[in-house]
């Protein structure tokens, strides 16, 4: 399990956040969150990065230029817009579209 999901599992255990809240912020099903926190589901790299950004754990720029550009764009957005993007990120095609818009 990645560090961010270990931290989230501990927060759920301590009742400082609910699985439903994590699911809403990441735009995924609560059942998927449950599996991630138990370690039975493995998060994608994209989901891990999004979780790190949403929950404030991402500190350094990513080595992948595409992901770094997406992070930069997301940092410039207000919280509501950023969460809307997180809910809509489903695959690499969407991320590539964000990069194209940034370049335009």
PDB file of N, CA and C in Angstrom:
ATOM      1  N   UNK A   1       0.857  -1.175   0.000  1.00  0.00           N
ATOM      2  CA  UNK A   1       0.000   0.000   0.000  1.00  0.00           C
ATOM      3  C   UNK A   1       0.902   1.236   0.000  1.00  0.00           C
ATOM      4  N   UNK A   2       0.522   2.251  -0.766  1.00  0.00           N
ATOM      5  CA  UNK A   2       1.316   3.469  -0.819  1.00  0.00           C
ATOM      6  C   UNK A   2       1.156   4.256   0.485  1.00  0.00           C
ATOM      7  N   UNK A   3       2.115   5.101   0.738  1.00  0.00           N
ATOM      8  CA  UNK A   3       2.147   5.876   1.976  1.00  0.00           C
ATOM      9  C   UNK A   3       0.883   6.715   2.177  1.00  0.00           C
ATOM     10  N   UNK A   4       0.403   7.355   1.123  1.00  0.00           N
ATOM     11  CA  UNK A   4      -0.776   8.210   1.258  1.00  0.00           C
ATOM     12  C   UNK A   4      -1.992   7.391   1.683  1.00  0.00           C
ATOM     13  N   UNK A   5      -2.148   6.203   1.136  1.00  0.00           N
ATOM     14  CA  UNK A   5      -3.308   5.389   1.505  1.00  0.00           C
ATOM     15  C   UNK A   5      -3.136   4.782   2.896  1.00  0.00           C
ATOM     16  N   UNK A   6      -1.891   4.558   3.316  1.00  0.00           N
ATOM     17  CA  UNK A   6      -1.649   4.137   4.699  1.00  0.00           C
ATOM     18  C   UNK A   6      -2.086   5.251   5.656  1.00  0.00           C
ATOM     19  N   UNK A   7      -1.728   6.483   5.315  1.00  0.00           N
ATOM     20  CA  UNK A   7      -2.112   7.630   6.158  1.00  0.00           C
ATOM     21  C   UNK A   7      -3.626   7.805   6.185  1.00  0.00           C
ATOM     22  N   UNK A   8      -4.255   7.660   5.032  1.00  0.00           N
ATOM     23  CA  UNK A   8      -5.711   7.784   4.978  1.00  0.00           C
ATOM     24  C   UNK A   8      -6.384   6.674   5.779  1.00  0.00           C
ATOM     25  N   UNK A   9      -5.835   5.461   5.712  1.00  0.00           N
ATOM     26  CA  UNK A   9      -6.393   4.352   6.491  1.00  0.00           C
ATOM     27  C   UNK A   9      -6.317   4.657   7.980  1.00  0.00           C
ATOM     28  N   UNK A  10      -5.207   5.236   8.400  1.00  0.00           N
ATOM     29  CA  UNK A  10      -5.055   5.605   9.809  1.00  0.00           C
ATOM     30  C   UNK A  10      -6.042   6.711  10.185  1.00  0.00           C
ATOM     31  N   UNK A  11      -6.247   7.670   9.295  1.00  0.00           N
ATOM     32  CA  UNK A  11      -7.209   8.761   9.560  1.00  0.00           C
ATOM     33  C   UNK A  11      -8.629   8.204   9.689  1.00  0.00           C
ATOM     34  N   UNK A  12      -8.968   7.234   8.860  1.00  0.00           N
ATOM     35  CA  UNK A  12     -10.294   6.607   8.941  1.00  0.00           C
ATOM     36  C   UNK A  12     -10.408   5.859  10.267  1.00  0.00           C
ATOM     37  N   UNK A  13      -9.361   5.156  10.626  1.00  0.00           N
ATOM     38  CA  UNK A  13      -9.351   4.408  11.882  1.00  0.00           C
ATOM     39  C   UNK A  13      -9.542   5.351  13.077  1.00  0.00           C
ATOM     40  N   UNK A  14      -8.912   6.526  12.999  1.00  0.00           N
ATOM     41  CA  UNK A  14      -9.019   7.507  14.085  1.00  0.00           C
ATOM     42  C   UNK A  14     -10.279   8.368  13.961  1.00  0.00           C
ATOM     43  N   UNK A  15     -11.060   8.110  12.922  1.00  0.00           N
ATOM     44  CA  UNK A  15     -12.320   8.804  12.661  1.00  0.00           C
ATOM     45  C   UNK A  15     -12.154  10.305  12.401  1.00  0.00           C
ATOM     46  N   UNK A  16     -11.028  10.679  11.781  1.00  0.00           N
ATOM     47  CA  UNK A  16     -10.844  12.075  11.386  1.00  0.00           C
ATOM     48  C   UNK A  16     -11.324  12.327   9.964  1.00  0.00           C
ATOM     49  N   UNK A  17     -11.612  11.242   9.231  1.00  0.00           N
ATOM     50  CA  UNK A  17     -12.194  11.344   7.895  1.00  0.00           C
ATOM     51  C   UNK A  17     -12.964  10.054   7.633  1.00  0.00           C
ATOM     52  N   UNK A  18     -13.961  10.137   6.776  1.00  0.00           N
ATOM     53  CA  UNK A  18     -14.756   8.961   6.427  1.00  0.00           C
ATOM     54  C   UNK A  18     -14.388   8.492   5.028  1.00  0.00           C
ATOM     55  N   UNK A  19     -14.551   7.191   4.800  1.00  0.00           N
ATOM     56  CA  UNK A  19     -14.287   6.647   3.472  1.00  0.00           C
ATOM     57  C   UNK A  19     -15.111   7.359   2.411  1.00  0.00           C
ATOM     58  N   UNK A  20     -16.340   7.700   2.734  1.00  0.00           N
ATOM     59  CA  UNK A  20     -17.220   8.395   1.793  1.00  0.00           C
ATOM     60  C   UNK A  20     -16.602   9.720   1.360  1.00  0.00           C
ATOM     61  N   UNK A  21     -16.001  10.448   2.305  1.00  0.00           N
ATOM     62  CA  UNK A  21     -15.373  11.731   1.987  1.00  0.00           C
ATOM     63  C   UNK A  21     -14.172  11.533   1.053  1.00  0.00           C
ATOM     64  N   UNK A  22     -13.384  10.510   1.334  1.00  0.00           N
ATOM     65  CA  UNK A  22     -12.231  10.214   0.472  1.00  0.00           C
ATOM     66  C   UNK A  22     -12.720   9.898  -0.938  1.00  0.00           C
ATOM     67  N   UNK A  23     -13.745   9.065  -1.023  1.00  0.00           N
ATOM     68  CA  UNK A  23     -14.301   8.672  -2.327  1.00  0.00           C
ATOM     69  C   UNK A  23     -14.795   9.891  -3.098  1.00  0.00           C
ATOM     70  N   UNK A  24     -15.516  10.773  -2.427  1.00  0.00           N
ATOM     71  CA  UNK A  24     -16.043  11.975  -3.084  1.00  0.00           C
ATOM     72  C   UNK A  24     -14.922  12.868  -3.586  1.00  0.00           C
ATOM     73  N   UNK A  25     -13.896  13.066  -2.776  1.00  0.00           N
ATOM     74  CA  UNK A  25     -12.795  13.946  -3.166  1.00  0.00           C
ATOM     75  C   UNK A  25     -11.969  13.379  -4.313  1.00  0.00           C
ATOM     76  N   UNK A  26     -11.889  12.051  -4.392  1.00  0.00           N
ATOM     77  CA  UNK A  26     -11.110  11.422  -5.457  1.00  0.00           C
ATOM     78  C   UNK A  26     -11.957  11.029  -6.657  1.00  0.00           C
ATOM     79  N   UNK A  27     -13.277  11.113  -6.519  1.00  0.00           N
ATOM     80  CA  UNK A  27     -14.156  10.767  -7.634  1.00  0.00           C
ATOM     81  C   UNK A  27     -14.209   9.278  -7.914  1.00  0.00           C
ATOM     82  N   UNK A  28     -14.096   8.469  -6.859  1.00  0.00           N
ATOM     83  CA  UNK A  28     -14.151   7.014  -7.027  1.00  0.00           C
ATOM     84  C   UNK A  28     -15.205   6.441  -6.084  1.00  0.00           C
ATOM     85  N   UNK A  29     -15.554   5.175  -6.294  1.00  0.00           N
ATOM     86  CA  UNK A  29     -16.554   4.519  -5.450  1.00  0.00           C
ATOM     87  C   UNK A  29     -16.008   4.275  -4.051  1.00  0.00           C
ATOM     88  N   UNK A  30     -16.905   4.330  -3.076  1.00  0.00           N
ATOM     89  CA  UNK A  30     -16.514   4.070  -1.697  1.00  0.00           C
ATOM     90  C   UNK A  30     -15.980   2.649  -1.536  1.00  0.00           C
ATOM     91  N   UNK A  31     -16.541   1.703  -2.288  1.00  0.00           N
ATOM     92  CA  UNK A  31     -16.057   0.317  -2.197  1.00  0.00           C
ATOM     93  C   UNK A  31     -14.603   0.213  -2.660  1.00  0.00           C
ATOM     94  N   UNK A  32     -14.233   1.026  -3.655  1.00  0.00           N
ATOM     95  CA  UNK A  32     -12.843   1.034  -4.120  1.00  0.00           C
ATOM     96  C   UNK A  32     -11.930   1.610  -3.045  1.00  0.00           C
ATOM     97  N   UNK A  33     -12.389   2.688  -2.393  1.00  0.00           N
ATOM     98  CA  UNK A  33     -11.619   3.287  -1.297  1.00  0.00           C
ATOM     99  C   UNK A  33     -11.405   2.249  -0.201  1.00  0.00           C
ATOM    100  N   UNK A  34     -12.460   1.524   0.138  1.00  0.00           N
ATOM    101  CA  UNK A  34     -12.373   0.496   1.171  1.00  0.00           C
ATOM    102  C   UNK A  34     -11.282  -0.512   0.829  1.00  0.00           C
ATOM    103  N   UNK A  35     -11.259  -0.958  -0.409  1.00  0.00           N
ATOM    104  CA  UNK A  35     -10.237  -1.910  -0.852  1.00  0.00           C
ATOM    105  C   UNK A  35      -8.837  -1.322  -0.816  1.00  0.00           C
ATOM    106  N   UNK A  36      -8.725  -0.040  -1.192  1.00  0.00           N
ATOM    107  CA  UNK A  36      -7.426   0.625  -1.156  1.00  0.00           C
ATOM    108  C   UNK A  36      -6.904   0.712   0.275  1.00  0.00           C
ATOM    109  N   UNK A  37      -7.782   1.052   1.195  1.00  0.00           N
ATOM    110  CA  UNK A  37      -7.369   1.226   2.585  1.00  0.00           C
ATOM    111  C   UNK A  37      -7.065  -0.104   3.274  1.00  0.00           C
ATOM    112  N   UNK A  38      -7.700  -1.176   2.815  1.00  0.00           N
ATOM    113  CA  UNK A  38      -7.419  -2.521   3.354  1.00  0.00           C
ATOM    114  C   UNK A  38      -6.187  -3.133   2.693  1.00  0.00           C
ATOM    115  N   UNK A  39      -5.817  -2.597   1.522  1.00  0.00           N
ATOM    116  CA  UNK A  39      -4.678  -3.133   0.791  1.00  0.00           C
ATOM    117  C   UNK A  39      -5.055  -4.204  -0.217  1.00  0.00           C
ATOM    118  N   UNK A  40      -6.351  -4.471  -0.376  1.00  0.00           N
ATOM    119  CA  UNK A  40      -6.770  -5.486  -1.345  1.00  0.00           C
ATOM    120  C   UNK A  40      -6.865  -4.916  -2.758  1.00  0.00           C
ATOM    121  N   UNK A  41      -7.002  -3.605  -2.899  1.00  0.00           N
ATOM    122  CA  UNK A  41      -6.958  -2.929  -4.201  1.00  0.00           C
ATOM    123  C   UNK A  41      -5.646  -2.166  -4.289  1.00  0.00           C
ATOM    124  N   UNK A  42      -5.020  -2.191  -5.448  1.00  0.00           N
ATOM    125  CA  UNK A  42      -3.779  -1.452  -5.658  1.00  0.00           C
ATOM    126  C   UNK A  42      -4.109  -0.172  -6.430  1.00  0.00           C
ATOM    127  N   UNK A  43      -3.714   0.991  -5.900  1.00  0.00           N
ATOM    128  CA  UNK A  43      -4.018   2.234  -6.611  1.00  0.00           C
ATOM    129  C   UNK A  43      -3.135   2.415  -7.842  1.00  0.00           C
ATOM    130  N   UNK A  44      -3.707   3.029  -8.875  1.00  0.00           N
ATOM    131  CA  UNK A  44      -2.896   3.371 -10.046  1.00  0.00           C
ATOM    132  C   UNK A  44      -1.953   4.513  -9.661  1.00  0.00           C
ATOM    133  N   UNK A  45      -0.949   4.737 -10.479  1.00  0.00           N
ATOM    134  CA  UNK A  45      -0.039   5.850 -10.222  1.00  0.00           C
ATOM    135  C   UNK A  45      -0.805   7.168 -10.241  1.00  0.00           C
ATOM    136  N   UNK A  46      -1.732   7.291 -11.190  1.00  0.00           N
ATOM    137  CA  UNK A  46      -2.528   8.514 -11.300  1.00  0.00           C
ATOM    138  C   UNK A  46      -3.344   8.746 -10.044  1.00  0.00           C
ATOM    139  N   UNK A  47      -4.012   7.709  -9.569  1.00  0.00           N
ATOM    140  CA  UNK A  47      -4.830   7.847  -8.369  1.00  0.00           C
ATOM    141  C   UNK A  47      -3.973   8.194  -7.157  1.00  0.00           C
ATOM    142  N   UNK A  48      -2.803   7.592  -7.060  1.00  0.00           N
ATOM    143  CA  UNK A  48      -1.899   7.888  -5.949  1.00  0.00           C
ATOM    144  C   UNK A  48      -1.482   9.354  -5.977  1.00  0.00           C
ATOM    145  N   UNK A  49      -1.116   9.840  -7.148  1.00  0.00           N
ATOM    146  CA  UNK A  49      -0.702  11.247  -7.272  1.00  0.00           C
ATOM    147  C   UNK A  49      -1.864  12.170  -6.936  1.00  0.00           C
ATOM    148  N   UNK A  50      -3.047  11.859  -7.432  1.00  0.00           N
ATOM    149  CA  UNK A  50      -4.217  12.686  -7.130  1.00  0.00           C
ATOM    150  C   UNK A  50      -4.508  12.693  -5.626  1.00  0.00           C
ATOM    151  N   UNK A  51      -4.417  11.526  -4.999  1.00  0.00           N
ATOM    152  CA  UNK A  51      -4.650  11.449  -3.559  1.00  0.00           C
ATOM    153  C   UNK A  51      -3.616  12.276  -2.805  1.00  0.00           C
ATOM    154  N   UNK A  52      -2.373  12.214  -3.243  1.00  0.00           N
ATOM    155  CA  UNK A  52      -1.322  13.002  -2.608  1.00  0.00           C
ATOM    156  C   UNK A  52      -1.613  14.494  -2.741  1.00  0.00           C
ATOM    157  N   UNK A  53      -2.099  14.890  -3.898  1.00  0.00           N
ATOM    158  CA  UNK A  53      -2.402  16.308  -4.106  1.00  0.00           C
ATOM    159  C   UNK A  53      -3.636  16.739  -3.324  1.00  0.00           C
ATOM    160  N   UNK A  54      -4.684  15.946  -3.354  1.00  0.00           N
ATOM    161  CA  UNK A  54      -5.924  16.299  -2.669  1.00  0.00           C
ATOM    162  C   UNK A  54      -5.708  16.391  -1.162  1.00  0.00           C
ATOM    163  N   UNK A  55      -4.922  15.469  -0.637  1.00  0.00           N
ATOM    164  CA  UNK A  55      -4.747  15.409   0.808  1.00  0.00           C
ATOM    165  C   UNK A  55      -3.432  16.019   1.268  1.00  0.00           C
ATOM    166  N   UNK A  56      -2.808  16.807   0.394  1.00  0.00           N
ATOM    167  CA  UNK A  56      -1.667  17.627   0.785  1.00  0.00           C
ATOM    168  C   UNK A  56      -0.365  16.908   1.054  1.00  0.00           C
ATOM    169  N   UNK A  57      -0.121  15.783   0.415  1.00  0.00           N
ATOM    170  CA  UNK A  57       1.097  15.030   0.662  1.00  0.00           C
ATOM    171  C   UNK A  57       2.140  15.188  -0.445  1.00  0.00           C
ATOM    172  N   UNK A  58       1.753  15.804  -1.542  1.00  0.00           N
ATOM    173  CA  UNK A  58       2.675  15.922  -2.682  1.00  0.00           C
ATOM    174  C   UNK A  58       3.556  17.139  -2.462  1.00  0.00           C
ATOM    175  N   UNK A  59       4.854  16.945  -2.323  1.00  0.00           N
ATOM    176  CA  UNK A  59       5.758  18.037  -2.005  1.00  0.00           C
ATOM    177  C   UNK A  59       6.711  18.387  -3.158  1.00  0.00           C
ATOM    178  N   UNK A  60       7.151  17.382  -3.873  1.00  0.00           N
ATOM    179  CA  UNK A  60       8.137  17.622  -4.921  1.00  0.00           C
ATOM    180  C   UNK A  60       7.517  17.480  -6.303  1.00  0.00           C
ATOM    181  N   UNK A  61       8.155  18.126  -7.264  1.00  0.00           N
ATOM    182  CA  UNK A  61       7.681  18.013  -8.635  1.00  0.00           C
ATOM    183  C   UNK A  61       7.920  16.594  -9.131  1.00  0.00           C
ATOM    184  N   UNK A  62       6.956  16.089  -9.883  1.00  0.00           N
ATOM    185  CA  UNK A  62       7.075  14.740 -10.420  1.00  0.00           C
ATOM    186  C   UNK A  62       8.106  14.733 -11.530  1.00  0.00           C
ATOM    187  N   UNK A  63       8.832  13.607 -11.669  1.00  0.00           N
ATOM    188  CA  UNK A  63       9.871  13.520 -12.701  1.00  0.00           C
ATOM    189  C   UNK A  63       9.288  13.405 -14.102  1.00  0.00           C
ATOM    190  N   UNK A  64       8.058  12.913 -14.223  1.00  0.00           N
ATOM    191  CA  UNK A  64       7.398  12.823 -15.526  1.00  0.00           C
ATOM    192  C   UNK A  64       6.890  14.212 -15.900  1.00  0.00           C
ATOM    193  N   UNK A  65       7.313  14.724 -17.043  1.00  0.00           N
ATOM    194  CA  UNK A  65       6.965  16.099 -17.442  1.00  0.00           C
ATOM    195  C   UNK A  65       5.468  16.308 -17.594  1.00  0.00           C
ATOM    196  N   UNK A  66       4.769  15.303 -18.091  1.00  0.00           N
ATOM    197  CA  UNK A  66       3.319  15.415 -18.270  1.00  0.00           C
ATOM    198  C   UNK A  66       2.633  15.560 -16.917  1.00  0.00           C
ATOM    199  N   UNK A  67       3.004  14.702 -15.998  1.00  0.00           N
ATOM    200  CA  UNK A  67       2.398  14.754 -14.674  1.00  0.00           C
ATOM    201  C   UNK A  67       2.773  16.048 -13.964  1.00  0.00           C
ATOM    202  N   UNK A  68       4.017  16.486 -14.101  1.00  0.00           N
ATOM    203  CA  UNK A  68       4.450  17.742 -13.482  1.00  0.00           C
ATOM    204  C   UNK A  68       3.642  18.920 -14.018  1.00  0.00           C
ATOM    205  N   UNK A  69       3.360  18.923 -15.328  1.00  0.00           N
ATOM    206  CA  UNK A  69       2.561  19.999 -15.924  1.00  0.00           C
ATOM    207  C   UNK A  69       1.130  19.982 -15.390  1.00  0.00           C
ATOM    208  N   UNK A  70       0.570  18.785 -15.228  1.00  0.00           N
ATOM    209  CA  UNK A  70      -0.785  18.658 -14.680  1.00  0.00           C
ATOM    210  C   UNK A  70      -0.805  19.167 -13.240  1.00  0.00           C
ATOM    211  N   UNK A  71       0.193  18.779 -12.470  1.00  0.00           N
ATOM    212  CA  UNK A  71       0.272  19.249 -11.083  1.00  0.00           C
ATOM    213  C   UNK A  71       0.324  20.771 -11.021  1.00  0.00           C
ATOM    214  N   UNK A  72       1.114  21.347 -11.897  1.00  0.00           N
ATOM    215  CA  UNK A  72       1.250  22.808 -11.924  1.00  0.00           C
ATOM    216  C   UNK A  72      -0.099  23.473 -12.226  1.00  0.00           C
ATOM    217  N   UNK A  73      -0.813  22.926 -13.200  1.00  0.00           N
ATOM    218  CA  UNK A  73      -2.137  23.471 -13.532  1.00  0.00           C
ATOM    219  C   UNK A  73      -3.088  23.345 -12.353  1.00  0.00           C
ATOM    220  N   UNK A  74      -3.074  22.193 -11.713  1.00  0.00           N
ATOM    221  CA  UNK A  74      -3.980  21.951 -10.593  1.00  0.00           C
ATOM    222  C   UNK A  74      -3.679  22.882  -9.418  1.00  0.00           C
ATOM    223  N   UNK A  75      -2.420  23.162  -9.206  1.00  0.00           N
ATOM    224  CA  UNK A  75      -2.044  24.067  -8.111  1.00  0.00           C
ATOM    225  C   UNK A  75      -2.601  25.465  -8.336  1.00  0.00           C
ATOM    226  N   UNK A  76      -2.765  25.859  -9.600  1.00  0.00           N
ATOM    227  CA  UNK A  76      -3.281  27.187  -9.923  1.00  0.00           C
ATOM    228  C   UNK A  76      -4.800  27.280  -9.810  1.00  0.00           C
ATOM    229  N   UNK A  77      -5.478  26.142  -9.675  1.00  0.00           N
ATOM    230  CA  UNK A  77      -6.943  26.122  -9.608  1.00  0.00           C
ATOM    231  C   UNK A  77      -7.435  26.311  -8.177  1.00  0.00           C
ATOM    232  N   UNK A  78      -8.650  26.830  -8.053  1.00  0.00           N
ATOM    233  CA  UNK A  78      -9.261  26.883  -6.731  1.00  0.00           C
ATOM    234  C   UNK A  78      -9.683  25.466  -6.336  1.00  0.00           C
ATOM    235  N   UNK A  79      -9.977  25.273  -5.071  1.00  0.00           N
ATOM    236  CA  UNK A  79     -10.272  23.935  -4.540  1.00  0.00           C
ATOM    237  C   UNK A  79     -11.438  23.260  -5.256  1.00  0.00           C
ATOM    238  N   UNK A  80     -12.502  23.993  -5.509  1.00  0.00           N
ATOM    239  CA  UNK A  80     -13.679  23.410  -6.157  1.00  0.00           C
ATOM    240  C   UNK A  80     -13.353  22.923  -7.569  1.00  0.00           C
ATOM    241  N   UNK A  81     -12.637  23.739  -8.328  1.00  0.00           N
ATOM    242  CA  UNK A  81     -12.259  23.344  -9.689  1.00  0.00           C
ATOM    243  C   UNK A  81     -11.337  22.136  -9.666  1.00  0.00           C
ATOM    244  N   UNK A  82     -10.392  22.132  -8.735  1.00  0.00           N
ATOM    245  CA  UNK A  82      -9.452  21.016  -8.616  1.00  0.00           C
ATOM    246  C   UNK A  82     -10.200  19.720  -8.304  1.00  0.00           C
ATOM    247  N   UNK A  83     -11.157  19.775  -7.389  1.00  0.00           N
ATOM    248  CA  UNK A  83     -11.924  18.581  -7.049  1.00  0.00           C
ATOM    249  C   UNK A  83     -12.770  18.112  -8.228  1.00  0.00           C
ATOM    250  N   UNK A  84     -13.277  19.060  -9.027  1.00  0.00           N
ATOM    251  CA  UNK A  84     -14.039  18.691 -10.223  1.00  0.00           C
ATOM    252  C   UNK A  84     -13.132  17.943 -11.207  1.00  0.00           C
ATOM    253  N   UNK A  85     -11.909  18.399 -11.353  1.00  0.00           N
ATOM    254  CA  UNK A  85     -10.952  17.715 -12.226  1.00  0.00           C
ATOM    255  C   UNK A  85     -10.672  16.320 -11.686  1.00  0.00           C
ATOM    256  N   UNK A  86     -10.456  16.200 -10.385  1.00  0.00           N
ATOM    257  CA  UNK A  86     -10.171  14.898  -9.795  1.00  0.00           C
ATOM    258  C   UNK A  86     -11.299  13.918 -10.059  1.00  0.00           C
ATOM    259  N   UNK A  87     -12.524  14.401  -9.992  1.00  0.00           N
ATOM    260  CA  UNK A  87     -13.673  13.520 -10.239  1.00  0.00           C
ATOM    261  C   UNK A  87     -13.722  13.072 -11.697  1.00  0.00           C
ATOM    262  N   UNK A  88     -13.162  13.868 -12.584  1.00  0.00           N
ATOM    263  CA  UNK A  88     -13.240  13.559 -14.015  1.00  0.00           C
ATOM    264  C   UNK A  88     -12.023  12.836 -14.570  1.00  0.00           C
ATOM    265  N   UNK A  89     -10.950  12.779 -13.806  1.00  0.00           N
ATOM    266  CA  UNK A  89      -9.750  12.097 -14.293  1.00  0.00           C
ATOM    267  C   UNK A  89      -9.991  10.601 -14.233  1.00  0.00           C
ATOM    268  N   UNK A  90     -10.061   9.990 -15.385  1.00  0.00           N
ATOM    269  CA  UNK A  90     -10.309   8.555 -15.461  1.00  0.00           C
ATOM    270  C   UNK A  90      -9.213   7.827 -16.217  1.00  0.00           C
ATOM    271  N   UNK A  91      -8.560   8.514 -17.130  1.00  0.00           N
ATOM    272  CA  UNK A  91      -7.533   7.824 -17.907  1.00  0.00           C
ATOM    273  C   UNK A  91      -6.515   8.807 -18.452  1.00  0.00           C
ATOM    274  N   UNK A  92      -5.517   8.306 -19.116  1.00  0.00           N
ATOM    275  CA  UNK A  92      -4.431   9.130 -19.626  1.00  0.00           C
ATOM    276  C   UNK A  92      -4.904  10.103 -20.699  1.00  0.00           C
ATOM    277  N   UNK A  93      -5.948   9.750 -21.456  1.00  0.00           N
ATOM    278  CA  UNK A  93      -6.438  10.639 -22.512  1.00  0.00           C
ATOM    279  C   UNK A  93      -6.871  11.979 -21.931  1.00  0.00           C
ATOM    280  N   UNK A  94      -7.543  11.962 -20.793  1.00  0.00           N
ATOM    281  CA  UNK A  94      -7.968  13.207 -20.171  1.00  0.00           C
ATOM    282  C   UNK A  94      -6.744  14.017 -19.738  1.00  0.00           C
ATOM    283  N   UNK A  95      -5.755  13.351 -19.169  1.00  0.00           N
ATOM    284  CA  UNK A  95      -4.539  14.034 -18.743  1.00  0.00           C
ATOM    285  C   UNK A  95      -3.826  14.657 -19.948  1.00  0.00           C
ATOM    286  N   UNK A  96      -3.777  13.929 -21.052  1.00  0.00           N
ATOM    287  CA  UNK A  96      -3.144  14.466 -22.255  1.00  0.00           C
ATOM    288  C   UNK A  96      -3.895  15.700 -22.772  1.00  0.00           C
ATOM    289  N   UNK A  97      -5.222  15.686 -22.669  1.00  0.00           N
ATOM    290  CA  UNK A  97      -6.010  16.841 -23.086  1.00  0.00           C
ATOM    291  C   UNK A  97      -5.691  18.051 -22.223  1.00  0.00           C
ATOM    292  N   UNK A  98      -5.491  17.842 -20.934  1.00  0.00           N
ATOM    293  CA  UNK A  98      -5.115  18.937 -20.040  1.00  0.00           C
ATOM    294  C   UNK A  98      -3.772  19.542 -20.465  1.00  0.00           C
ATOM    295  N   UNK A  99      -2.848  18.684 -20.839  1.00  0.00           N
ATOM    296  CA  UNK A  99      -1.528  19.159 -21.275  1.00  0.00           C
ATOM    297  C   UNK A  99      -1.651  19.976 -22.556  1.00  0.00           C
ATOM    298  N   UNK A 100      -2.460  19.494 -23.509  1.00  0.00           N
ATOM    299  CA  UNK A 100      -2.660  20.235 -24.763  1.00  0.00           C
ATOM    300  C   UNK A 100      -3.232  21.623 -24.491  1.00  0.00           C
ATOM    301  N   UNK A 101      -4.223  21.692 -23.584  1.00  0.00           N
ATOM    302  CA  UNK A 101      -4.819  22.989 -23.243  1.00  0.00           C
ATOM    303  C   UNK A 101      -3.798  23.906 -22.588  1.00  0.00           C
ATOM    304  N   UNK A 102      -2.938  23.347 -21.750  1.00  0.00           N
ATOM    305  CA  UNK A 102      -1.910  24.140 -21.075  1.00  0.00           C
ATOM    306  C   UNK A 102      -0.951  24.723 -22.116  1.00  0.00           C
ATOM    307  N   UNK A 103      -0.628  23.935 -23.134  1.00  0.00           N
ATOM    308  CA  UNK A 103       0.317  24.370 -24.158  1.00  0.00           C
ATOM    309  C   UNK A 103      -0.295  25.408 -25.098  1.00  0.00           C
ATOM    310  N   UNK A 104      -1.616  25.409 -25.234  1.00  0.00           N
ATOM    311  CA  UNK A 104      -2.285  26.317 -26.167  1.00  0.00           C
ATOM    312  C   UNK A 104      -2.317  27.745 -25.677  1.00  0.00           C
TER     313      UNK A 104
END
